[in-house]
Amino acid sequence: MPVPSHSTSVFNETTLPAALRGEHKTKAGVWGVIQVIEGELGFSLVNGDGETVLTPDNPGLILPEQLHWVELIGPVRVQVHFYDQAPDLRDHHRHTGPSAAPADITA
């Protein structure tokens, strides 16, 4: 089972960095999982493959170098986990709390 190489801090609706709300992507060879701990978060892919509402039961998968952005819907607690191989999203459903990994949002 893959484990995150690093994770961000837990963000809320006031601390979510503007850079994550704008178009951005992970580096080559880096997958991301957007884990909503509480609330909802909009997730969109630049290529138009979909707009999704992420919840604690529905984490968001980011493929390497995939352009995307998130949108606030309301109060939220969210953390992003980064992997050097494809993660298993089943590991992120109904996550009970944030990871203790150090903050680092530059994947």
PDB file of N, CA and C in Angstrom:
ATOM      1  N   MET A   1       0.847  -1.172   0.000  1.00  0.00           N
ATOM      2  CA  MET A   1       0.000   0.000   0.000  1.00  0.00           C
ATOM      3  C   MET A   1       0.895   1.238   0.000  1.00  0.00           C
ATOM      4  N   PRO A   2       0.738   2.099  -0.997  1.00  0.00           N
ATOM      5  CA  PRO A   2       1.558   3.318  -1.052  1.00  0.00           C
ATOM      6  C   PRO A   2       1.291   4.232   0.139  1.00  0.00           C
ATOM      7  N   VAL A   3       2.338   4.885   0.604  1.00  0.00           N
ATOM      8  CA  VAL A   3       2.196   5.876   1.667  1.00  0.00           C
ATOM      9  C   VAL A   3       2.605   7.232   1.106  1.00  0.00           C
ATOM     10  N   PRO A   4       2.000   8.310   1.613  1.00  0.00           N
ATOM     11  CA  PRO A   4       2.346   9.632   1.084  1.00  0.00           C
ATOM     12  C   PRO A   4       3.823   9.961   1.304  1.00  0.00           C
ATOM     13  N   SER A   5       4.423  10.599   0.312  1.00  0.00           N
ATOM     14  CA  SER A   5       5.788  11.091   0.486  1.00  0.00           C
ATOM     15  C   SER A   5       5.785  12.361   1.331  1.00  0.00           C
ATOM     16  N   HIS A   6       4.701  13.127   1.236  1.00  0.00           N
ATOM     17  CA  HIS A   6       4.499  14.298   2.087  1.00  0.00           C
ATOM     18  C   HIS A   6       3.043  14.752   1.969  1.00  0.00           C
ATOM     19  N   SER A   7       2.644  15.605   2.897  1.00  0.00           N
ATOM     20  CA  SER A   7       1.275  16.113   2.952  1.00  0.00           C
ATOM     21  C   SER A   7       1.303  17.584   3.327  1.00  0.00           C
ATOM     22  N   THR A   8       0.244  18.285   2.954  1.00  0.00           N
ATOM     23  CA  THR A   8       0.127  19.690   3.337  1.00  0.00           C
ATOM     24  C   THR A   8      -0.368  19.788   4.777  1.00  0.00           C
ATOM     25  N   SER A   9      -0.385  20.979   5.268  1.00  0.00           N
ATOM     26  CA  SER A   9      -1.099  21.265   6.512  1.00  0.00           C
ATOM     27  C   SER A   9      -2.586  21.062   6.239  1.00  0.00           C
ATOM     28  N   VAL A  10      -3.374  21.049   7.291  1.00  0.00           N
ATOM     29  CA  VAL A  10      -4.825  21.035   7.122  1.00  0.00           C
ATOM     30  C   VAL A  10      -5.253  22.482   6.897  1.00  0.00           C
ATOM     31  N   PHE A  11      -5.954  22.705   5.798  1.00  0.00           N
ATOM     32  CA  PHE A  11      -6.438  24.038   5.453  1.00  0.00           C
ATOM     33  C   PHE A  11      -7.932  24.114   5.723  1.00  0.00           C
ATOM     34  N   ASN A  12      -8.408  25.341   5.981  1.00  0.00           N
ATOM     35  CA  ASN A  12      -9.844  25.577   6.066  1.00  0.00           C
ATOM     36  C   ASN A  12     -10.199  26.646   5.043  1.00  0.00           C
ATOM     37  N   GLU A  13     -11.446  27.094   5.068  1.00  0.00           N
ATOM     38  CA  GLU A  13     -11.901  28.047   4.055  1.00  0.00           C
ATOM     39  C   GLU A  13     -11.161  29.380   4.111  1.00  0.00           C
ATOM     40  N   THR A  14     -10.533  29.719   5.226  1.00  0.00           N
ATOM     41  CA  THR A  14      -9.791  30.981   5.299  1.00  0.00           C
ATOM     42  C   THR A  14      -8.291  30.790   5.075  1.00  0.00           C
ATOM     43  N   THR A  15      -7.788  29.580   5.269  1.00  0.00           N
ATOM     44  CA  THR A  15      -6.338  29.355   5.117  1.00  0.00           C
ATOM     45  C   THR A  15      -5.956  28.632   3.821  1.00  0.00           C
ATOM     46  N   LEU A  16      -6.945  28.205   3.038  1.00  0.00           N
ATOM     47  CA  LEU A  16      -6.641  27.533   1.767  1.00  0.00           C
ATOM     48  C   LEU A  16      -5.875  28.500   0.866  1.00  0.00           C
ATOM     49  N   PRO A  17      -4.639  28.166   0.490  1.00  0.00           N
ATOM     50  CA  PRO A  17      -3.829  29.092  -0.309  1.00  0.00           C
ATOM     51  C   PRO A  17      -4.471  29.437  -1.649  1.00  0.00           C
ATOM     52  N   ALA A  18      -4.347  30.699  -2.037  1.00  0.00           N
ATOM     53  CA  ALA A  18      -4.871  31.143  -3.322  1.00  0.00           C
ATOM     54  C   ALA A  18      -4.264  30.334  -4.469  1.00  0.00           C
ATOM     55  N   ALA A  19      -3.022  29.899  -4.318  1.00  0.00           N
ATOM     56  CA  ALA A  19      -2.368  29.122  -5.378  1.00  0.00           C
ATOM     57  C   ALA A  19      -3.109  27.826  -5.672  1.00  0.00           C
ATOM     58  N   LEU A  20      -3.763  27.248  -4.666  1.00  0.00           N
ATOM     59  CA  LEU A  20      -4.517  26.017  -4.889  1.00  0.00           C
ATOM     60  C   LEU A  20      -5.862  26.283  -5.554  1.00  0.00           C
ATOM     61  N   ARG A  21      -6.337  27.519  -5.442  1.00  0.00           N
ATOM     62  CA  ARG A  21      -7.613  27.889  -6.070  1.00  0.00           C
ATOM     63  C   ARG A  21      -7.433  28.285  -7.522  1.00  0.00           C
ATOM     64  N   GLY A  22      -6.194  28.523  -7.918  1.00  0.00           N
ATOM     65  CA  GLY A  22      -5.892  28.834  -9.313  1.00  0.00           C
ATOM     66  C   GLY A  22      -5.393  27.588 -10.024  1.00  0.00           C
ATOM     67  N   GLU A  23      -5.299  27.663 -11.315  1.00  0.00           N
ATOM     68  CA  GLU A  23      -4.828  26.539 -12.116  1.00  0.00           C
ATOM     69  C   GLU A  23      -3.400  26.171 -11.729  1.00  0.00           C
ATOM     70  N   HIS A  24      -3.175  24.905 -11.419  1.00  0.00           N
ATOM     71  CA  HIS A  24      -1.842  24.427 -11.047  1.00  0.00           C
ATOM     72  C   HIS A  24      -1.765  22.932 -11.315  1.00  0.00           C
ATOM     73  N   LYS A  25      -0.576  22.359 -11.157  1.00  0.00           N
ATOM     74  CA  LYS A  25      -0.408  20.931 -11.398  1.00  0.00           C
ATOM     75  C   LYS A  25       0.689  20.376 -10.508  1.00  0.00           C
ATOM     76  N   THR A  26       0.694  19.051 -10.380  1.00  0.00           N
ATOM     77  CA  THR A  26       1.769  18.384  -9.665  1.00  0.00           C
ATOM     78  C   THR A  26       2.942  18.194 -10.625  1.00  0.00           C
ATOM     79  N   LYS A  27       4.071  17.834 -10.078  1.00  0.00           N
ATOM     80  CA  LYS A  27       5.260  17.570 -10.886  1.00  0.00           C
ATOM     81  C   LYS A  27       5.139  16.212 -11.569  1.00  0.00           C
ATOM     82  N   ALA A  28       6.014  15.956 -12.516  1.00  0.00           N
ATOM     83  CA  ALA A  28       6.073  14.656 -13.171  1.00  0.00           C
ATOM     84  C   ALA A  28       6.319  13.577 -12.117  1.00  0.00           C
ATOM     85  N   GLY A  29       5.590  12.476 -12.207  1.00  0.00           N
ATOM     86  CA  GLY A  29       5.777  11.368 -11.282  1.00  0.00           C
ATOM     87  C   GLY A  29       5.160  11.551  -9.910  1.00  0.00           C
ATOM     88  N   VAL A  30       4.361  12.611  -9.728  1.00  0.00           N
ATOM     89  CA  VAL A  30       3.742  12.875  -8.419  1.00  0.00           C
ATOM     90  C   VAL A  30       2.221  12.834  -8.553  1.00  0.00           C
ATOM     91  N   TRP A  31       1.597  11.951  -7.776  1.00  0.00           N
ATOM     92  CA  TRP A  31       0.146  11.874  -7.685  1.00  0.00           C
ATOM     93  C   TRP A  31      -0.274  12.635  -6.440  1.00  0.00           C
ATOM     94  N   GLY A  32      -1.477  13.158  -6.443  1.00  0.00           N
ATOM     95  CA  GLY A  32      -2.019  13.818  -5.263  1.00  0.00           C
ATOM     96  C   GLY A  32      -3.391  13.284  -4.931  1.00  0.00           C
ATOM     97  N   VAL A  33      -3.723  13.335  -3.664  1.00  0.00           N
ATOM     98  CA  VAL A  33      -5.069  13.013  -3.212  1.00  0.00           C
ATOM     99  C   VAL A  33      -5.551  14.185  -2.363  1.00  0.00           C
ATOM    100  N   ILE A  34      -6.645  14.788  -2.790  1.00  0.00           N
ATOM    101  CA  ILE A  34      -7.270  15.861  -2.019  1.00  0.00           C
ATOM    102  C   ILE A  34      -8.236  15.195  -1.049  1.00  0.00           C
ATOM    103  N   GLN A  35      -7.921  15.290   0.227  1.00  0.00           N
ATOM    104  CA  GLN A  35      -8.713  14.636   1.277  1.00  0.00           C
ATOM    105  C   GLN A  35      -9.534  15.678   2.016  1.00  0.00           C
ATOM    106  N   VAL A  36     -10.832  15.693   1.789  1.00  0.00           N
ATOM    107  CA  VAL A  36     -11.722  16.578   2.536  1.00  0.00           C
ATOM    108  C   VAL A  36     -12.029  15.905   3.865  1.00  0.00           C
ATOM    109  N   ILE A  37     -11.725  16.578   4.941  1.00  0.00           N
ATOM    110  CA  ILE A  37     -11.952  16.052   6.283  1.00  0.00           C
ATOM    111  C   ILE A  37     -13.352  16.426   6.759  1.00  0.00           C
ATOM    112  N   GLU A  38     -13.749  17.662   6.465  1.00  0.00           N
ATOM    113  CA  GLU A  38     -15.091  18.154   6.782  1.00  0.00           C
ATOM    114  C   GLU A  38     -15.538  19.095   5.687  1.00  0.00           C
ATOM    115  N   GLY A  39     -16.815  19.060   5.344  1.00  0.00           N
ATOM    116  CA  GLY A  39     -17.377  19.975   4.370  1.00  0.00           C
ATOM    117  C   GLY A  39     -17.282  19.458   2.950  1.00  0.00           C
ATOM    118  N   GLU A  40     -17.285  20.395   2.002  1.00  0.00           N
ATOM    119  CA  GLU A  40     -17.234  20.084   0.578  1.00  0.00           C
ATOM    120  C   GLU A  40     -16.284  21.049  -0.117  1.00  0.00           C
ATOM    121  N   LEU A  41     -15.707  20.584  -1.226  1.00  0.00           N
ATOM    122  CA  LEU A  41     -14.770  21.385  -2.001  1.00  0.00           C
ATOM    123  C   LEU A  41     -14.981  21.067  -3.474  1.00  0.00           C
ATOM    124  N   GLY A  42     -15.096  22.090  -4.306  1.00  0.00           N
ATOM    125  CA  GLY A  42     -15.199  21.871  -5.747  1.00  0.00           C
ATOM    126  C   GLY A  42     -13.832  21.532  -6.313  1.00  0.00           C
ATOM    127  N   PHE A  43     -13.782  20.606  -7.274  1.00  0.00           N
ATOM    128  CA  PHE A  43     -12.537  20.154  -7.900  1.00  0.00           C
ATOM    129  C   PHE A  43     -12.771  20.093  -9.396  1.00  0.00           C
ATOM    130  N   SER A  44     -11.937  20.791 -10.163  1.00  0.00           N
ATOM    131  CA  SER A  44     -12.087  20.843 -11.613  1.00  0.00           C
ATOM    132  C   SER A  44     -10.778  20.530 -12.310  1.00  0.00           C
ATOM    133  N   LEU A  45     -10.896  19.859 -13.452  1.00  0.00           N
ATOM    134  CA  LEU A  45      -9.751  19.558 -14.301  1.00  0.00           C
ATOM    135  C   LEU A  45      -9.765  20.502 -15.493  1.00  0.00           C
ATOM    136  N   VAL A  46      -8.599  21.016 -15.862  1.00  0.00           N
ATOM    137  CA  VAL A  46      -8.504  21.987 -16.938  1.00  0.00           C
ATOM    138  C   VAL A  46      -8.926  21.393 -18.274  1.00  0.00           C
ATOM    139  N   ASN A  47      -8.657  20.111 -18.492  1.00  0.00           N
ATOM    140  CA  ASN A  47      -8.984  19.507 -19.779  1.00  0.00           C
ATOM    141  C   ASN A  47     -10.479  19.274 -19.961  1.00  0.00           C
ATOM    142  N   GLY A  48     -11.284  19.676 -18.987  1.00  0.00           N
ATOM    143  CA  GLY A  48     -12.723  19.558 -19.104  1.00  0.00           C
ATOM    144  C   GLY A  48     -13.276  18.184 -18.796  1.00  0.00           C
ATOM    145  N   ASP A  49     -12.436  17.289 -18.257  1.00  0.00           N
ATOM    146  CA  ASP A  49     -12.902  15.940 -17.948  1.00  0.00           C
ATOM    147  C   ASP A  49     -13.860  15.893 -16.775  1.00  0.00           C
ATOM    148  N   GLY A  50     -14.091  17.001 -16.144  1.00  0.00           N
ATOM    149  CA  GLY A  50     -15.093  16.950 -15.097  1.00  0.00           C
ATOM    150  C   GLY A  50     -14.918  17.955 -13.998  1.00  0.00           C
ATOM    151  N   GLU A  51     -16.042  18.263 -13.415  1.00  0.00           N
ATOM    152  CA  GLU A  51     -16.105  19.053 -12.200  1.00  0.00           C
ATOM    153  C   GLU A  51     -16.745  18.144 -11.161  1.00  0.00           C
ATOM    154  N   THR A  52     -16.146  18.077  -9.991  1.00  0.00           N
ATOM    155  CA  THR A  52     -16.585  17.166  -8.962  1.00  0.00           C
ATOM    156  C   THR A  52     -16.687  17.906  -7.645  1.00  0.00           C
ATOM    157  N   VAL A  53     -17.598  17.470  -6.800  1.00  0.00           N
ATOM    158  CA  VAL A  53     -17.662  17.970  -5.430  1.00  0.00           C
ATOM    159  C   VAL A  53     -16.999  16.913  -4.559  1.00  0.00           C
ATOM    160  N   LEU A  54     -15.915  17.312  -3.909  1.00  0.00           N
ATOM    161  CA  LEU A  54     -15.189  16.409  -3.019  1.00  0.00           C
ATOM    162  C   LEU A  54     -15.775  16.493  -1.619  1.00  0.00           C
ATOM    163  N   THR A  55     -15.879  15.340  -0.967  1.00  0.00           N
ATOM    164  CA  THR A  55     -16.417  15.231   0.384  1.00  0.00           C
ATOM    165  C   THR A  55     -15.549  14.222   1.139  1.00  0.00           C
ATOM    166  N   PRO A  56     -15.797  14.022   2.429  1.00  0.00           N
ATOM    167  CA  PRO A  56     -15.034  12.991   3.140  1.00  0.00           C
ATOM    168  C   PRO A  56     -15.197  11.600   2.518  1.00  0.00           C
ATOM    169  N   ASP A  57     -16.327  11.356   1.849  1.00  0.00           N
ATOM    170  CA  ASP A  57     -16.553  10.073   1.186  1.00  0.00           C
ATOM    171  C   ASP A  57     -16.079  10.047  -0.257  1.00  0.00           C
ATOM    172  N   ASN A  58     -15.658  11.182  -0.786  1.00  0.00           N
ATOM    173  CA  ASN A  58     -15.278  11.281  -2.196  1.00  0.00           C
ATOM    174  C   ASN A  58     -14.002  12.119  -2.344  1.00  0.00           C
ATOM    175  N   PRO A  59     -12.818  11.524  -2.100  1.00  0.00           N
ATOM    176  CA  PRO A  59     -11.554  12.268  -2.257  1.00  0.00           C
ATOM    177  C   PRO A  59     -11.260  12.517  -3.732  1.00  0.00           C
ATOM    178  N   GLY A  60     -10.382  13.473  -3.986  1.00  0.00           N
ATOM    179  CA  GLY A  60     -10.010  13.806  -5.364  1.00  0.00           C
ATOM    180  C   GLY A  60      -8.630  13.282  -5.718  1.00  0.00           C
ATOM    181  N   LEU A  61      -8.530  12.598  -6.849  1.00  0.00           N
ATOM    182  CA  LEU A  61      -7.258  12.074  -7.332  1.00  0.00           C
ATOM    183  C   LEU A  61      -6.674  13.035  -8.358  1.00  0.00           C
ATOM    184  N   ILE A  62      -5.402  13.381  -8.178  1.00  0.00           N
ATOM    185  CA  ILE A  62      -4.680  14.243  -9.113  1.00  0.00           C
ATOM    186  C   ILE A  62      -3.583  13.396  -9.739  1.00  0.00           C
ATOM    187  N   LEU A  63      -3.614  13.283 -11.052  1.00  0.00           N
ATOM    188  CA  LEU A  63      -2.578  12.534 -11.769  1.00  0.00           C
ATOM    189  C   LEU A  63      -1.343  13.407 -11.952  1.00  0.00           C
ATOM    190  N   PRO A  64      -0.181  12.801 -12.185  1.00  0.00           N
ATOM    191  CA  PRO A  64       1.027  13.603 -12.413  1.00  0.00           C
ATOM    192  C   PRO A  64       0.824  14.610 -13.552  1.00  0.00           C
ATOM    193  N   GLU A  65       1.212  15.846 -13.286  1.00  0.00           N
ATOM    194  CA  GLU A  65       1.171  16.952 -14.236  1.00  0.00           C
ATOM    195  C   GLU A  65      -0.231  17.291 -14.731  1.00  0.00           C
ATOM    196  N   GLN A  66      -1.262  16.907 -14.003  1.00  0.00           N
ATOM    197  CA  GLN A  66      -2.649  17.181 -14.394  1.00  0.00           C
ATOM    198  C   GLN A  66      -3.057  18.571 -13.908  1.00  0.00           C
ATOM    199  N   LEU A  67      -3.402  19.437 -14.842  1.00  0.00           N
ATOM    200  CA  LEU A  67      -3.839  20.791 -14.489  1.00  0.00           C
ATOM    201  C   LEU A  67      -5.209  20.728 -13.829  1.00  0.00           C
ATOM    202  N   HIS A  68      -5.340  21.418 -12.709  1.00  0.00           N
ATOM    203  CA  HIS A  68      -6.576  21.392 -11.949  1.00  0.00           C
ATOM    204  C   HIS A  68      -6.656  22.612 -11.039  1.00  0.00           C
ATOM    205  N   TRP A  69      -7.803  22.790 -10.400  1.00  0.00           N
ATOM    206  CA  TRP A  69      -7.978  23.803  -9.370  1.00  0.00           C
ATOM    207  C   TRP A  69      -9.117  23.379  -8.450  1.00  0.00           C
ATOM    208  N   VAL A  70      -9.196  24.019  -7.302  1.00  0.00           N
ATOM    209  CA  VAL A  70     -10.285  23.753  -6.361  1.00  0.00           C
ATOM    210  C   VAL A  70     -11.049  25.044  -6.102  1.00  0.00           C
ATOM    211  N   GLU A  71     -12.312  24.882  -5.700  1.00  0.00           N
ATOM    212  CA  GLU A  71     -13.165  26.025  -5.399  1.00  0.00           C
ATOM    213  C   GLU A  71     -13.845  25.804  -4.056  1.00  0.00           C
ATOM    214  N   LEU A  72     -13.859  26.847  -3.257  1.00  0.00           N
ATOM    215  CA  LEU A  72     -14.562  26.775  -1.983  1.00  0.00           C
ATOM    216  C   LEU A  72     -16.068  26.748  -2.220  1.00  0.00           C
ATOM    217  N   ILE A  73     -16.750  25.894  -1.478  1.00  0.00           N
ATOM    218  CA  ILE A  73     -18.206  25.817  -1.512  1.00  0.00           C
ATOM    219  C   ILE A  73     -18.770  26.377  -0.209  1.00  0.00           C
ATOM    220  N   GLY A  74     -18.032  26.196   0.864  1.00  0.00           N
ATOM    221  CA  GLY A  74     -18.444  26.649   2.192  1.00  0.00           C
ATOM    222  C   GLY A  74     -17.372  26.260   3.183  1.00  0.00           C
ATOM    223  N   PRO A  75     -17.721  26.177   4.446  1.00  0.00           N
ATOM    224  CA  PRO A  75     -16.744  25.762   5.456  1.00  0.00           C
ATOM    225  C   PRO A  75     -16.158  24.395   5.101  1.00  0.00           C
ATOM    226  N   VAL A  76     -14.848  24.271   5.255  1.00  0.00           N
ATOM    227  CA  VAL A  76     -14.178  23.036   4.851  1.00  0.00           C
ATOM    228  C   VAL A  76     -12.898  22.857   5.655  1.00  0.00           C
ATOM    229  N   ARG A  77     -12.497  21.609   5.831  1.00  0.00           N
ATOM    230  CA  ARG A  77     -11.159  21.257   6.324  1.00  0.00           C
ATOM    231  C   ARG A  77     -10.630  20.263   5.315  1.00  0.00           C
ATOM    232  N   VAL A  78      -9.444  20.542   4.770  1.00  0.00           N
ATOM    233  CA  VAL A  78      -8.909  19.741   3.673  1.00  0.00           C
ATOM    234  C   VAL A  78      -7.401  19.607   3.803  1.00  0.00           C
ATOM    235  N   GLN A  79      -6.882  18.489   3.332  1.00  0.00           N
ATOM    236  CA  GLN A  79      -5.448  18.236   3.332  1.00  0.00           C
ATOM    237  C   GLN A  79      -5.117  17.525   2.018  1.00  0.00           C
ATOM    238  N   VAL A  80      -3.942  17.802   1.474  1.00  0.00           N
ATOM    239  CA  VAL A  80      -3.514  17.150   0.239  1.00  0.00           C
ATOM    240  C   VAL A  80      -2.322  16.251   0.553  1.00  0.00           C
ATOM    241  N   HIS A  81      -2.390  15.020   0.060  1.00  0.00           N
ATOM    242  CA  HIS A  81      -1.335  14.031   0.259  1.00  0.00           C
ATOM    243  C   HIS A  81      -0.680  13.759  -1.090  1.00  0.00           C
ATOM    244  N   PHE A  82       0.635  13.666  -1.122  1.00  0.00           N
ATOM    245  CA  PHE A  82       1.383  13.449  -2.358  1.00  0.00           C
ATOM    246  C   PHE A  82       2.089  12.103  -2.332  1.00  0.00           C
ATOM    247  N   TYR A  83       2.094  11.436  -3.470  1.00  0.00           N
ATOM    248  CA  TYR A  83       2.648  10.088  -3.604  1.00  0.00           C
ATOM    249  C   TYR A  83       3.600  10.020  -4.786  1.00  0.00           C
ATOM    250  N   ASP A  84       4.570   9.088  -4.710  1.00  0.00           N
ATOM    251  CA  ASP A  84       5.474   8.864  -5.842  1.00  0.00           C
ATOM    252  C   ASP A  84       5.040   7.662  -6.681  1.00  0.00           C
ATOM    253  N   GLN A  85       3.868   7.116  -6.375  1.00  0.00           N
ATOM    254  CA  GLN A  85       3.230   6.063  -7.170  1.00  0.00           C
ATOM    255  C   GLN A  85       1.723   6.211  -7.004  1.00  0.00           C
ATOM    256  N   ALA A  86       0.968   5.562  -7.869  1.00  0.00           N
ATOM    257  CA  ALA A  86      -0.489   5.707  -7.826  1.00  0.00           C
ATOM    258  C   ALA A  86      -1.039   5.277  -6.469  1.00  0.00           C
ATOM    259  N   PRO A  87      -1.789   6.158  -5.788  1.00  0.00           N
ATOM    260  CA  PRO A  87      -2.363   5.820  -4.492  1.00  0.00           C
ATOM    261  C   PRO A  87      -3.657   5.026  -4.654  1.00  0.00           C
ATOM    262  N   ASP A  88      -4.084   4.432  -3.570  1.00  0.00           N
ATOM    263  CA  ASP A  88      -5.360   3.726  -3.516  1.00  0.00           C
ATOM    264  C   ASP A  88      -6.353   4.651  -2.823  1.00  0.00           C
ATOM    265  N   LEU A  89      -7.343   5.150  -3.560  1.00  0.00           N
ATOM    266  CA  LEU A  89      -8.293   6.100  -2.977  1.00  0.00           C
ATOM    267  C   LEU A  89      -9.101   5.501  -1.841  1.00  0.00           C
ATOM    268  N   ARG A  90      -9.208   4.190  -1.793  1.00  0.00           N
ATOM    269  CA  ARG A  90      -9.943   3.570  -0.684  1.00  0.00           C
ATOM    270  C   ARG A  90      -9.297   3.899   0.659  1.00  0.00           C
ATOM    271  N   ASP A  91      -8.009   4.208   0.647  1.00  0.00           N
ATOM    272  CA  ASP A  91      -7.311   4.570   1.883  1.00  0.00           C
ATOM    273  C   ASP A  91      -7.738   5.943   2.398  1.00  0.00           C
ATOM    274  N   HIS A  92      -8.440   6.726   1.559  1.00  0.00           N
ATOM    275  CA  HIS A  92      -8.769   8.103   1.910  1.00  0.00           C
ATOM    276  C   HIS A  92     -10.253   8.334   2.155  1.00  0.00           C
ATOM    277  N   HIS A  93     -11.074   7.321   2.103  1.00  0.00           N
ATOM    278  CA  HIS A  93     -12.495   7.488   2.386  1.00  0.00           C
ATOM    279  C   HIS A  93     -12.710   7.553   3.883  1.00  0.00           C
ATOM    280  N   ARG A  94     -13.517   8.525   4.294  1.00  0.00           N
ATOM    281  CA  ARG A  94     -13.846   8.715   5.707  1.00  0.00           C
ATOM    282  C   ARG A  94     -12.601   8.754   6.579  1.00  0.00           C
ATOM    283  N   HIS A  95     -11.643   9.544   6.131  1.00  0.00           N
ATOM    284  CA  HIS A  95     -10.414   9.778   6.891  1.00  0.00           C
ATOM    285  C   HIS A  95     -10.798  10.400   8.230  1.00  0.00           C
ATOM    286  N   THR A  96     -10.270   9.896   9.307  1.00  0.00           N
ATOM    287  CA  THR A  96     -10.696  10.356  10.625  1.00  0.00           C
ATOM    288  C   THR A  96      -9.932  11.563  11.145  1.00  0.00           C
ATOM    289  N   GLY A  97      -8.823  11.901  10.532  1.00  0.00           N
ATOM    290  CA  GLY A  97      -8.068  13.051  11.008  1.00  0.00           C
ATOM    291  C   GLY A  97      -6.925  13.366  10.078  1.00  0.00           C
ATOM    292  N   PRO A  98      -6.283  14.502  10.252  1.00  0.00           N
ATOM    293  CA  PRO A  98      -5.193  14.898   9.370  1.00  0.00           C
ATOM    294  C   PRO A  98      -3.947  14.062   9.589  1.00  0.00           C
ATOM    295  N   SER A  99      -3.155  14.009   8.554  1.00  0.00           N
ATOM    296  CA  SER A  99      -1.863  13.330   8.634  1.00  0.00           C
ATOM    297  C   SER A  99      -0.909  14.182   9.455  1.00  0.00           C
ATOM    298  N   ALA A 100       0.058  13.541  10.065  1.00  0.00           N
ATOM    299  CA  ALA A 100       1.047  14.261  10.853  1.00  0.00           C
ATOM    300  C   ALA A 100       2.251  14.665  10.014  1.00  0.00           C
ATOM    301  N   ALA A 101       2.195  14.422   8.712  1.00  0.00           N
ATOM    302  CA  ALA A 101       3.319  14.758   7.838  1.00  0.00           C
ATOM    303  C   ALA A 101       3.520  16.270   7.803  1.00  0.00           C
ATOM    304  N   PRO A 102       4.756  16.709   7.547  1.00  0.00           N
ATOM    305  CA  PRO A 102       5.028  18.151   7.519  1.00  0.00           C
ATOM    306  C   PRO A 102       4.348  18.852   6.368  1.00  0.00           C
ATOM    307  N   ALA A 103       4.085  20.141   6.529  1.00  0.00           N
ATOM    308  CA  ALA A 103       3.452  20.931   5.491  1.00  0.00           C
ATOM    309  C   ALA A 103       4.395  21.105   4.315  1.00  0.00           C
ATOM    310  N   ASP A 104       3.851  20.937   3.122  1.00  0.00           N
ATOM    311  CA  ASP A 104       4.635  21.112   1.904  1.00  0.00           C
ATOM    312  C   ASP A 104       3.672  21.039   0.736  1.00  0.00           C
ATOM    313  N   ILE A 105       3.402  22.164   0.094  1.00  0.00           N
ATOM    314  CA  ILE A 105       2.436  22.128  -0.998  1.00  0.00           C
ATOM    315  C   ILE A 105       3.097  22.225  -2.358  1.00  0.00           C
ATOM    316  N   THR A 106       4.401  22.104  -2.432  1.00  0.00           N
ATOM    317  CA  THR A 106       5.073  22.180  -3.716  1.00  0.00           C
ATOM    318  C   THR A 106       5.395  20.779  -4.200  1.00  0.00           C
ATOM    319  N   ALA A 107       4.412  20.154  -4.833  1.00  0.00           N
ATOM    320  CA  ALA A 107       4.594  18.769  -5.287  1.00  0.00           C
ATOM    321  C   ALA A 107       5.441  18.700  -6.513  1.00  0.00           C
TER     322      ALA A 107
END
